[in-house]
Amino acid sequence: MLRTSLITLLASLLFLSACSGTGNRVDNQCLTFEDKLQATDLSKLMQSLAVELGNGLPSPDPRSHDQVGVLLVADFVNINTLKTEQNSLVMSDMLRTYLANLPGKKVVQVEFGKDIRLSDSGVVSLTRNLDLTNKQKVGANQVVVGTYLDLQSKLIINLRAIDPTNQIISSAVVRELKYTCNGGKLYLSN
C-alpha cells in the first residue's frame, strides 16, 4: 500500500514537472527575433530613430554647391555575425524611407559587408568599390550603420551616422526593447 502511494506520488510529480516544463518551452519559443519584430510597432520605432538620428546630424556646409546631405544607409546587421538577416531588411527599408523624408536629406542604399564594413577597431571602412570610396563622386556626408543584438528577452538596436572623411560618429541612437512571453504570446514591455 505504501509502495503504491509512493509510486502514485512520484508519477504525479513527474507529470506536473513535465507540464510546467512544456509551458516554459512555449514561453521561450515565442522569444524569437521574428516574434519580437511582430510584437513591435516597427514603423513608429524606425521613424523615431530616423528623426532622432537626423536631429544629431551636422548641417551641410553652406559654402558647398550641394546643400543636401547625402546619407549612405546600410542594411541592419546582427552584431554577432555582422550579416544581414532576411527579417531585418524591413527595418532597413523603413529607416531609409524615414531618413529620405527628412528635409534636406538624400539617401543612397548600400550593402553592409559588400559596400561598407566595420573594421577591427569598430569604425566603418568603405570597400574598394570606386563608386563608393570616392567621396566626391558619391557626395556622401554620412554613412549610416545599424546593428542589432537579439537577446532572449531583449532586442537592442544601435544606429550611428559616421563621417566618412574622418570616421567620427556624428550622431548615434540606441533603443533597448524588452519583451515578456506569457502563454506563448510575446509582449513588448517598454
N, C-alpha and C. Protein backbone atom coordinates (compact mmCIF):
# COMPACT_ATOMS: atom_id res chain seq x y z
N MET A 1 0.83 -1.19 0.00
CA MET A 1 0.00 0.00 0.00
C MET A 1 0.86 1.24 0.00
N LEU A 2 1.88 1.27 0.90
CA LEU A 2 2.77 2.41 0.95
C LEU A 2 3.55 2.54 -0.36
N ARG A 3 3.93 1.40 -0.90
CA ARG A 3 4.67 1.41 -2.15
C ARG A 3 3.81 1.96 -3.27
N THR A 4 2.56 1.62 -3.35
CA THR A 4 1.64 2.12 -4.37
C THR A 4 1.44 3.62 -4.21
N SER A 5 1.31 4.08 -2.99
CA SER A 5 1.15 5.51 -2.73
C SER A 5 2.38 6.29 -3.17
N LEU A 6 3.57 5.76 -2.89
CA LEU A 6 4.81 6.43 -3.30
C LEU A 6 4.94 6.49 -4.82
N ILE A 7 4.60 5.40 -5.47
CA ILE A 7 4.67 5.36 -6.93
C ILE A 7 3.68 6.37 -7.52
N THR A 8 2.49 6.44 -6.97
CA THR A 8 1.48 7.39 -7.43
C THR A 8 1.96 8.82 -7.22
N LEU A 9 2.56 9.09 -6.06
CA LEU A 9 3.07 10.43 -5.77
C LEU A 9 4.20 10.80 -6.72
N LEU A 10 5.13 9.88 -6.97
CA LEU A 10 6.24 10.16 -7.90
C LEU A 10 5.72 10.39 -9.32
N ALA A 11 4.77 9.58 -9.73
CA ALA A 11 4.20 9.75 -11.07
C ALA A 11 3.51 11.10 -11.19
N SER A 12 2.80 11.52 -10.15
CA SER A 12 2.14 12.82 -10.16
C SER A 12 3.16 13.96 -10.24
N LEU A 13 4.24 13.85 -9.47
CA LEU A 13 5.28 14.88 -9.50
C LEU A 13 5.94 14.96 -10.87
N LEU A 14 6.22 13.82 -11.46
CA LEU A 14 6.82 13.81 -12.80
C LEU A 14 5.87 14.43 -13.82
N PHE A 15 4.60 14.12 -13.72
CA PHE A 15 3.60 14.68 -14.64
C PHE A 15 3.53 16.20 -14.49
N LEU A 16 3.49 16.69 -13.25
CA LEU A 16 3.42 18.12 -13.01
C LEU A 16 4.68 18.84 -13.50
N SER A 17 5.85 18.24 -13.26
CA SER A 17 7.08 18.89 -13.73
C SER A 17 7.15 18.88 -15.25
N ALA A 18 6.63 17.86 -15.90
CA ALA A 18 6.60 17.82 -17.36
C ALA A 18 5.67 18.89 -17.89
N CYS A 19 4.55 19.11 -17.22
CA CYS A 19 3.61 20.15 -17.66
C CYS A 19 4.24 21.54 -17.53
N SER A 20 4.89 21.78 -16.41
CA SER A 20 5.49 23.11 -16.23
C SER A 20 6.66 23.29 -17.19
N GLY A 21 7.41 22.24 -17.49
CA GLY A 21 8.50 22.34 -18.46
C GLY A 21 7.98 22.65 -19.84
N THR A 22 6.86 22.06 -20.23
CA THR A 22 6.28 22.34 -21.54
C THR A 22 5.88 23.80 -21.64
N GLY A 23 5.30 24.34 -20.55
CA GLY A 23 4.91 25.75 -20.57
C GLY A 23 6.10 26.66 -20.75
N ASN A 24 7.22 26.33 -20.11
CA ASN A 24 8.42 27.14 -20.26
C ASN A 24 8.96 27.07 -21.67
N ARG A 25 8.91 25.90 -22.28
CA ARG A 25 9.38 25.80 -23.66
C ARG A 25 8.53 26.67 -24.57
N VAL A 26 7.23 26.67 -24.39
CA VAL A 26 6.36 27.51 -25.21
C VAL A 26 6.72 28.97 -25.01
N ASP A 27 6.93 29.38 -23.76
CA ASP A 27 7.28 30.77 -23.49
C ASP A 27 8.62 31.13 -24.12
N ASN A 28 9.61 30.26 -24.02
CA ASN A 28 10.91 30.54 -24.62
C ASN A 28 10.84 30.55 -26.14
N GLN A 29 9.97 29.72 -26.70
CA GLN A 29 9.86 29.66 -28.15
C GLN A 29 9.26 30.94 -28.73
N CYS A 30 8.50 31.69 -27.96
CA CYS A 30 7.89 32.90 -28.52
C CYS A 30 8.85 34.09 -28.45
N LEU A 31 10.08 33.88 -28.01
CA LEU A 31 11.06 34.96 -27.93
C LEU A 31 12.01 34.96 -29.12
N THR A 32 11.56 34.54 -30.29
CA THR A 32 12.41 34.55 -31.47
C THR A 32 12.50 35.97 -32.03
N PHE A 33 13.49 36.20 -32.86
CA PHE A 33 13.68 37.51 -33.49
C PHE A 33 12.44 37.91 -34.30
N GLU A 34 11.88 36.96 -35.03
CA GLU A 34 10.69 37.23 -35.83
C GLU A 34 9.51 37.64 -34.95
N ASP A 35 9.34 36.94 -33.82
CA ASP A 35 8.26 37.29 -32.90
C ASP A 35 8.45 38.69 -32.33
N LYS A 36 9.70 39.04 -32.03
CA LYS A 36 9.98 40.37 -31.49
C LYS A 36 9.64 41.45 -32.51
N LEU A 37 9.96 41.20 -33.78
CA LEU A 37 9.63 42.18 -34.82
C LEU A 37 8.11 42.34 -34.95
N GLN A 38 7.39 41.23 -34.85
CA GLN A 38 5.93 41.29 -34.96
C GLN A 38 5.30 41.98 -33.77
N ALA A 39 5.90 41.87 -32.61
CA ALA A 39 5.34 42.48 -31.40
C ALA A 39 5.68 43.97 -31.29
N THR A 40 6.51 44.47 -32.20
CA THR A 40 6.98 45.85 -32.15
C THR A 40 6.32 46.66 -33.25
N ASP A 41 5.93 47.88 -32.94
CA ASP A 41 5.44 48.80 -33.96
C ASP A 41 6.67 49.35 -34.68
N LEU A 42 7.12 48.62 -35.71
CA LEU A 42 8.36 48.97 -36.40
C LEU A 42 8.29 50.33 -37.07
N SER A 43 7.14 50.69 -37.58
CA SER A 43 7.01 51.99 -38.24
C SER A 43 7.28 53.12 -37.25
N LYS A 44 6.67 53.04 -36.11
CA LYS A 44 6.87 54.07 -35.07
C LYS A 44 8.32 54.07 -34.59
N LEU A 45 8.89 52.88 -34.38
CA LEU A 45 10.27 52.77 -33.90
C LEU A 45 11.25 53.35 -34.91
N MET A 46 11.14 52.95 -36.19
CA MET A 46 12.09 53.42 -37.20
C MET A 46 11.93 54.92 -37.47
N GLN A 47 10.71 55.40 -37.40
CA GLN A 47 10.50 56.84 -37.58
C GLN A 47 11.16 57.63 -36.45
N SER A 48 11.00 57.17 -35.22
CA SER A 48 11.62 57.89 -34.10
C SER A 48 13.14 57.81 -34.16
N LEU A 49 13.69 56.67 -34.58
CA LEU A 49 15.14 56.54 -34.73
C LEU A 49 15.65 57.49 -35.81
N ALA A 50 14.94 57.56 -36.94
CA ALA A 50 15.36 58.43 -38.04
C ALA A 50 15.34 59.89 -37.62
N VAL A 51 14.28 60.31 -36.95
CA VAL A 51 14.18 61.71 -36.52
C VAL A 51 15.27 62.04 -35.52
N GLU A 52 15.47 61.16 -34.54
CA GLU A 52 16.49 61.42 -33.53
C GLU A 52 17.89 61.44 -34.15
N LEU A 53 18.17 60.49 -35.04
CA LEU A 53 19.47 60.47 -35.71
C LEU A 53 19.64 61.73 -36.57
N GLY A 54 18.59 62.09 -37.30
CA GLY A 54 18.63 63.28 -38.16
C GLY A 54 18.87 64.56 -37.38
N ASN A 55 18.28 64.64 -36.18
CA ASN A 55 18.48 65.84 -35.36
C ASN A 55 19.93 66.01 -34.92
N GLY A 56 20.67 64.93 -34.83
CA GLY A 56 22.06 64.99 -34.41
C GLY A 56 23.05 65.17 -35.54
N LEU A 57 22.57 65.09 -36.79
CA LEU A 57 23.47 65.20 -37.93
C LEU A 57 23.91 66.65 -38.14
N PRO A 58 25.15 66.84 -38.56
CA PRO A 58 25.60 68.20 -38.85
C PRO A 58 24.90 68.74 -40.10
N SER A 59 24.76 70.04 -40.14
CA SER A 59 24.16 70.68 -41.32
C SER A 59 25.18 70.66 -42.45
N PRO A 60 24.72 70.57 -43.70
CA PRO A 60 25.66 70.62 -44.82
C PRO A 60 26.42 71.95 -44.84
N ASP A 61 27.61 71.92 -45.38
CA ASP A 61 28.47 73.10 -45.46
C ASP A 61 27.79 74.15 -46.34
N PRO A 62 27.53 75.35 -45.82
CA PRO A 62 26.85 76.38 -46.61
C PRO A 62 27.69 76.86 -47.79
N ARG A 63 29.01 76.63 -47.76
CA ARG A 63 29.87 77.03 -48.88
C ARG A 63 29.84 76.02 -50.01
N SER A 64 29.26 74.85 -49.74
CA SER A 64 29.21 73.79 -50.74
C SER A 64 28.11 74.08 -51.76
N HIS A 65 28.32 73.60 -52.99
CA HIS A 65 27.30 73.75 -54.03
C HIS A 65 26.09 72.87 -53.73
N ASP A 66 26.34 71.79 -53.04
CA ASP A 66 25.28 70.83 -52.71
C ASP A 66 24.79 71.09 -51.30
N GLN A 67 23.60 71.66 -51.18
CA GLN A 67 23.04 71.96 -49.86
C GLN A 67 22.28 70.77 -49.27
N VAL A 68 22.32 69.64 -49.95
CA VAL A 68 21.59 68.46 -49.49
C VAL A 68 22.57 67.50 -48.84
N GLY A 69 22.20 66.97 -47.68
CA GLY A 69 23.02 65.97 -47.02
C GLY A 69 22.74 64.60 -47.61
N VAL A 70 23.78 63.94 -48.14
CA VAL A 70 23.63 62.61 -48.71
C VAL A 70 24.06 61.59 -47.68
N LEU A 71 23.18 60.63 -47.42
CA LEU A 71 23.43 59.58 -46.43
C LEU A 71 23.56 58.24 -47.14
N LEU A 72 24.67 57.55 -46.94
CA LEU A 72 24.79 56.16 -47.37
C LEU A 72 24.22 55.33 -46.24
N VAL A 73 23.15 54.60 -46.48
CA VAL A 73 22.47 53.85 -45.42
C VAL A 73 22.57 52.36 -45.71
N ALA A 74 23.26 51.66 -44.82
CA ALA A 74 23.45 50.21 -44.97
C ALA A 74 22.30 49.46 -44.32
N ASP A 75 22.15 48.20 -44.73
CA ASP A 75 21.17 47.32 -44.10
C ASP A 75 21.58 47.05 -42.66
N PHE A 76 20.59 46.85 -41.78
CA PHE A 76 20.86 46.45 -40.41
C PHE A 76 21.56 45.09 -40.41
N VAL A 77 22.51 44.93 -39.50
CA VAL A 77 23.19 43.64 -39.38
C VAL A 77 23.15 43.17 -37.93
N ASN A 78 23.18 41.87 -37.78
CA ASN A 78 23.27 41.25 -36.46
C ASN A 78 24.69 41.51 -35.95
N ILE A 79 24.83 42.09 -34.79
CA ILE A 79 26.15 42.46 -34.26
C ILE A 79 27.04 41.24 -34.02
N ASN A 80 26.44 40.08 -33.78
CA ASN A 80 27.24 38.87 -33.53
C ASN A 80 27.83 38.30 -34.81
N THR A 81 27.10 38.42 -35.93
CA THR A 81 27.55 37.81 -37.18
C THR A 81 28.00 38.83 -38.21
N LEU A 82 27.62 40.10 -38.00
CA LEU A 82 27.84 41.17 -38.97
C LEU A 82 27.26 40.82 -40.33
N LYS A 83 26.15 40.09 -40.30
CA LYS A 83 25.43 39.72 -41.53
C LYS A 83 24.00 40.24 -41.46
N THR A 84 23.48 40.55 -42.63
CA THR A 84 22.10 40.97 -42.74
C THR A 84 21.23 39.73 -42.78
N GLU A 85 20.21 39.71 -41.95
CA GLU A 85 19.27 38.59 -41.97
C GLU A 85 18.00 39.06 -42.66
N GLN A 86 17.32 38.15 -43.30
CA GLN A 86 16.16 38.49 -44.11
C GLN A 86 15.13 39.30 -43.33
N ASN A 87 14.88 38.93 -42.08
CA ASN A 87 13.86 39.62 -41.31
C ASN A 87 14.26 41.02 -40.87
N SER A 88 15.56 41.34 -40.92
CA SER A 88 15.98 42.69 -40.56
C SER A 88 15.90 43.66 -41.73
N LEU A 89 15.68 43.16 -42.92
CA LEU A 89 15.62 44.04 -44.09
C LEU A 89 14.46 45.01 -44.03
N VAL A 90 13.37 44.61 -43.39
CA VAL A 90 12.23 45.52 -43.25
C VAL A 90 12.62 46.72 -42.40
N MET A 91 13.44 46.51 -41.36
CA MET A 91 13.90 47.63 -40.53
C MET A 91 14.75 48.58 -41.37
N SER A 92 15.63 48.02 -42.19
CA SER A 92 16.50 48.83 -43.04
C SER A 92 15.69 49.66 -44.03
N ASP A 93 14.74 49.01 -44.69
CA ASP A 93 13.92 49.73 -45.68
C ASP A 93 13.11 50.84 -45.04
N MET A 94 12.54 50.56 -43.88
CA MET A 94 11.75 51.59 -43.19
C MET A 94 12.63 52.75 -42.76
N LEU A 95 13.82 52.45 -42.23
CA LEU A 95 14.72 53.50 -41.80
C LEU A 95 15.11 54.39 -42.99
N ARG A 96 15.46 53.77 -44.12
CA ARG A 96 15.82 54.56 -45.31
C ARG A 96 14.67 55.46 -45.75
N THR A 97 13.46 54.94 -45.70
CA THR A 97 12.29 55.73 -46.08
C THR A 97 12.13 56.94 -45.17
N TYR A 98 12.22 56.72 -43.86
CA TYR A 98 12.04 57.83 -42.92
C TYR A 98 13.20 58.83 -43.00
N LEU A 99 14.42 58.35 -43.22
CA LEU A 99 15.55 59.27 -43.38
C LEU A 99 15.41 60.09 -44.66
N ALA A 100 14.93 59.46 -45.74
CA ALA A 100 14.75 60.16 -47.01
C ALA A 100 13.68 61.24 -46.91
N ASN A 101 12.76 61.08 -45.97
CA ASN A 101 11.69 62.07 -45.79
C ASN A 101 12.11 63.24 -44.92
N LEU A 102 13.32 63.18 -44.34
CA LEU A 102 13.80 64.31 -43.55
C LEU A 102 14.15 65.45 -44.50
N PRO A 103 13.83 66.68 -44.14
CA PRO A 103 14.15 67.81 -45.02
C PRO A 103 15.65 67.91 -45.28
N GLY A 104 16.01 68.09 -46.55
CA GLY A 104 17.39 68.30 -46.93
C GLY A 104 18.26 67.06 -46.94
N LYS A 105 17.66 65.86 -46.93
CA LYS A 105 18.44 64.63 -46.91
C LYS A 105 18.12 63.78 -48.14
N LYS A 106 19.17 63.20 -48.72
CA LYS A 106 19.03 62.21 -49.78
C LYS A 106 19.67 60.94 -49.28
N VAL A 107 19.09 59.81 -49.63
CA VAL A 107 19.55 58.52 -49.12
C VAL A 107 20.03 57.66 -50.27
N VAL A 108 21.20 57.05 -50.09
CA VAL A 108 21.75 56.08 -51.03
C VAL A 108 21.84 54.76 -50.29
N GLN A 109 21.28 53.70 -50.88
CA GLN A 109 21.31 52.38 -50.24
C GLN A 109 22.63 51.70 -50.55
N VAL A 110 23.26 51.14 -49.52
CA VAL A 110 24.46 50.34 -49.68
C VAL A 110 24.31 49.05 -48.89
N GLU A 111 25.11 48.05 -49.25
CA GLU A 111 25.03 46.76 -48.57
C GLU A 111 26.17 46.63 -47.58
N PHE A 112 25.83 46.24 -46.37
CA PHE A 112 26.84 46.01 -45.34
C PHE A 112 27.62 44.76 -45.73
N GLY A 113 28.92 44.82 -45.62
CA GLY A 113 29.76 43.68 -45.98
C GLY A 113 30.24 43.76 -47.40
N LYS A 114 29.41 44.24 -48.31
CA LYS A 114 29.83 44.37 -49.70
C LYS A 114 30.36 45.78 -49.96
N ASP A 115 29.60 46.78 -49.56
CA ASP A 115 29.97 48.17 -49.83
C ASP A 115 30.67 48.84 -48.65
N ILE A 116 30.25 48.51 -47.43
CA ILE A 116 30.90 49.05 -46.23
C ILE A 116 31.03 47.93 -45.22
N ARG A 117 31.94 48.12 -44.27
CA ARG A 117 32.11 47.12 -43.22
C ARG A 117 32.70 47.78 -41.99
N LEU A 118 32.56 47.11 -40.86
CA LEU A 118 33.21 47.56 -39.63
C LEU A 118 34.61 46.97 -39.60
N SER A 119 35.57 47.79 -39.22
CA SER A 119 36.94 47.28 -39.08
C SER A 119 37.10 46.69 -37.69
N ASP A 120 38.29 46.14 -37.40
CA ASP A 120 38.55 45.55 -36.09
C ASP A 120 38.42 46.56 -34.97
N SER A 121 38.68 47.83 -35.26
CA SER A 121 38.58 48.86 -34.23
C SER A 121 37.17 49.41 -34.10
N GLY A 122 36.23 48.89 -34.91
CA GLY A 122 34.84 49.31 -34.78
C GLY A 122 34.44 50.47 -35.66
N VAL A 123 35.34 50.94 -36.53
CA VAL A 123 34.99 52.05 -37.40
C VAL A 123 34.53 51.53 -38.75
N VAL A 124 33.82 52.35 -39.47
CA VAL A 124 33.32 51.98 -40.79
C VAL A 124 34.42 52.18 -41.82
N SER A 125 34.58 51.22 -42.70
CA SER A 125 35.51 51.39 -43.80
C SER A 125 34.77 51.11 -45.10
N LEU A 126 34.98 51.95 -46.08
CA LEU A 126 34.39 51.72 -47.38
C LEU A 126 35.25 50.72 -48.14
N THR A 127 34.62 49.97 -49.03
CA THR A 127 35.36 48.97 -49.78
C THR A 127 36.10 49.62 -50.94
N ARG A 128 36.72 48.78 -51.75
CA ARG A 128 37.46 49.29 -52.90
C ARG A 128 36.56 49.63 -54.07
N ASN A 129 35.28 49.51 -53.91
CA ASN A 129 34.34 49.88 -54.95
C ASN A 129 34.50 51.38 -55.23
N LEU A 130 35.00 51.71 -56.40
CA LEU A 130 35.35 53.09 -56.71
C LEU A 130 34.16 54.04 -56.62
N ASP A 131 32.96 53.54 -56.92
CA ASP A 131 31.78 54.40 -56.82
C ASP A 131 31.51 54.82 -55.39
N LEU A 132 31.94 54.02 -54.43
CA LEU A 132 31.67 54.32 -53.03
C LEU A 132 32.86 54.91 -52.30
N THR A 133 34.08 54.60 -52.72
CA THR A 133 35.22 55.10 -51.98
C THR A 133 35.54 56.54 -52.33
N ASN A 134 35.14 57.01 -53.47
CA ASN A 134 35.42 58.39 -53.86
C ASN A 134 34.31 59.28 -53.33
N LYS A 135 34.56 59.94 -52.22
CA LYS A 135 33.54 60.76 -51.57
C LYS A 135 33.01 61.84 -52.51
N GLN A 136 33.88 62.42 -53.34
CA GLN A 136 33.46 63.47 -54.25
C GLN A 136 32.43 62.94 -55.25
N LYS A 137 32.66 61.72 -55.73
CA LYS A 137 31.77 61.15 -56.73
C LYS A 137 30.39 60.85 -56.13
N VAL A 138 30.38 60.26 -54.94
CA VAL A 138 29.11 59.94 -54.29
C VAL A 138 28.55 61.17 -53.58
N GLY A 139 29.44 61.98 -53.02
CA GLY A 139 28.99 63.16 -52.29
C GLY A 139 28.37 62.81 -50.95
N ALA A 140 28.79 61.72 -50.35
CA ALA A 140 28.19 61.29 -49.09
C ALA A 140 28.70 62.11 -47.93
N ASN A 141 27.77 62.67 -47.18
CA ASN A 141 28.13 63.40 -45.98
C ASN A 141 28.26 62.48 -44.77
N GLN A 142 27.48 61.40 -44.76
CA GLN A 142 27.45 60.48 -43.62
C GLN A 142 27.20 59.05 -44.11
N VAL A 143 27.77 58.09 -43.38
CA VAL A 143 27.46 56.68 -43.58
C VAL A 143 26.65 56.24 -42.37
N VAL A 144 25.46 55.70 -42.60
CA VAL A 144 24.58 55.29 -41.51
C VAL A 144 24.65 53.77 -41.39
N VAL A 145 25.03 53.30 -40.19
CA VAL A 145 25.17 51.87 -39.92
C VAL A 145 24.24 51.51 -38.77
N GLY A 146 23.42 50.49 -38.99
CA GLY A 146 22.53 50.00 -37.95
C GLY A 146 22.87 48.57 -37.59
N THR A 147 23.00 48.31 -36.29
CA THR A 147 23.23 46.97 -35.81
C THR A 147 22.18 46.62 -34.77
N TYR A 148 21.98 45.32 -34.56
CA TYR A 148 21.06 44.90 -33.51
C TYR A 148 21.64 43.67 -32.82
N LEU A 149 21.25 43.54 -31.56
CA LEU A 149 21.64 42.40 -30.75
C LEU A 149 20.35 41.75 -30.26
N ASP A 150 20.16 40.50 -30.64
CA ASP A 150 18.96 39.75 -30.26
C ASP A 150 19.29 38.88 -29.06
N LEU A 151 18.83 39.31 -27.89
CA LEU A 151 18.99 38.54 -26.67
C LEU A 151 17.69 37.82 -26.36
N GLN A 152 17.68 36.97 -25.36
CA GLN A 152 16.48 36.17 -25.11
C GLN A 152 15.24 37.02 -24.88
N SER A 153 15.31 38.02 -24.03
CA SER A 153 14.12 38.82 -23.76
C SER A 153 14.32 40.30 -24.11
N LYS A 154 15.34 40.59 -24.92
CA LYS A 154 15.63 41.96 -25.32
C LYS A 154 16.02 42.02 -26.78
N LEU A 155 15.81 43.18 -27.37
CA LEU A 155 16.32 43.49 -28.69
C LEU A 155 16.96 44.87 -28.56
N ILE A 156 18.27 44.94 -28.80
CA ILE A 156 18.99 46.21 -28.69
C ILE A 156 19.35 46.67 -30.09
N ILE A 157 18.94 47.89 -30.42
CA ILE A 157 19.18 48.45 -31.75
C ILE A 157 20.08 49.66 -31.61
N ASN A 158 21.19 49.66 -32.35
CA ASN A 158 22.13 50.78 -32.38
C ASN A 158 22.15 51.36 -33.79
N LEU A 159 22.15 52.66 -33.87
CA LEU A 159 22.18 53.35 -35.15
C LEU A 159 23.22 54.45 -35.04
N ARG A 160 24.16 54.49 -35.99
CA ARG A 160 25.21 55.50 -35.96
C ARG A 160 25.35 56.14 -37.33
N ALA A 161 25.57 57.45 -37.33
CA ALA A 161 25.94 58.17 -38.54
C ALA A 161 27.41 58.54 -38.39
N ILE A 162 28.21 58.16 -39.38
CA ILE A 162 29.66 58.32 -39.29
C ILE A 162 30.13 59.17 -40.46
N ASP A 163 30.97 60.15 -40.17
CA ASP A 163 31.57 60.99 -41.21
C ASP A 163 32.62 60.15 -41.94
N PRO A 164 32.45 59.91 -43.25
CA PRO A 164 33.39 59.02 -43.96
C PRO A 164 34.79 59.63 -44.12
N THR A 165 34.93 60.93 -43.93
CA THR A 165 36.25 61.55 -44.11
C THR A 165 37.15 61.38 -42.90
N ASN A 166 36.56 61.25 -41.71
CA ASN A 166 37.40 61.17 -40.51
C ASN A 166 36.97 60.06 -39.54
N GLN A 167 35.95 59.28 -39.87
CA GLN A 167 35.44 58.16 -39.07
C GLN A 167 34.84 58.58 -37.73
N ILE A 168 34.54 59.87 -37.56
CA ILE A 168 33.95 60.35 -36.31
C ILE A 168 32.44 60.14 -36.36
N ILE A 169 31.91 59.63 -35.25
CA ILE A 169 30.46 59.42 -35.14
C ILE A 169 29.80 60.78 -34.95
N SER A 170 28.94 61.14 -35.89
CA SER A 170 28.26 62.44 -35.85
C SER A 170 26.99 62.39 -35.03
N SER A 171 26.32 61.26 -35.07
CA SER A 171 25.05 61.11 -34.37
C SER A 171 24.86 59.63 -34.07
N ALA A 172 24.28 59.33 -32.92
CA ALA A 172 24.06 57.93 -32.55
C ALA A 172 22.77 57.82 -31.73
N VAL A 173 22.09 56.71 -31.93
CA VAL A 173 20.83 56.44 -31.23
C VAL A 173 20.84 54.97 -30.84
N VAL A 174 20.33 54.67 -29.65
CA VAL A 174 20.20 53.29 -29.22
C VAL A 174 18.82 53.08 -28.61
N ARG A 175 18.23 51.93 -28.86
CA ARG A 175 16.97 51.54 -28.25
C ARG A 175 17.13 50.14 -27.67
N GLU A 176 16.66 49.97 -26.44
CA GLU A 176 16.65 48.66 -25.81
C GLU A 176 15.19 48.29 -25.59
N LEU A 177 14.73 47.31 -26.34
CA LEU A 177 13.35 46.86 -26.26
C LEU A 177 13.30 45.59 -25.42
N LYS A 178 12.43 45.58 -24.42
CA LYS A 178 12.32 44.43 -23.52
C LYS A 178 10.99 43.73 -23.80
N TYR A 179 11.05 42.40 -23.79
CA TYR A 179 9.88 41.59 -24.11
C TYR A 179 9.60 40.60 -23.00
N THR A 180 8.33 40.25 -22.86
CA THR A 180 7.93 39.16 -21.98
C THR A 180 7.06 38.21 -22.79
N CYS A 181 7.11 36.97 -22.40
CA CYS A 181 6.33 35.96 -23.08
C CYS A 181 5.44 35.28 -22.04
N ASN A 182 4.15 35.27 -22.31
CA ASN A 182 3.21 34.69 -21.37
C ASN A 182 2.22 33.86 -22.16
N GLY A 183 2.17 32.57 -21.84
CA GLY A 183 1.22 31.69 -22.51
C GLY A 183 1.49 31.55 -23.98
N GLY A 184 2.75 31.66 -24.39
CA GLY A 184 3.10 31.52 -25.79
C GLY A 184 2.91 32.79 -26.61
N LYS A 185 2.51 33.92 -25.98
CA LYS A 185 2.32 35.18 -26.69
C LYS A 185 3.36 36.18 -26.21
N LEU A 186 3.94 36.93 -27.15
CA LEU A 186 5.00 37.89 -26.84
C LEU A 186 4.44 39.28 -26.65
N TYR A 187 4.96 39.97 -25.63
CA TYR A 187 4.52 41.34 -25.34
C TYR A 187 5.74 42.23 -25.21
N LEU A 188 5.64 43.44 -25.76
CA LEU A 188 6.69 44.45 -25.58
C LEU A 188 6.48 45.09 -24.23
N SER A 189 7.51 45.05 -23.38
CA SER A 189 7.37 45.54 -22.01
C SER A 189 7.54 47.05 -21.89
N ASN A 190 8.31 47.65 -22.76
CA ASN A 190 8.55 49.10 -22.65
C ASN A 190 8.09 49.85 -23.86
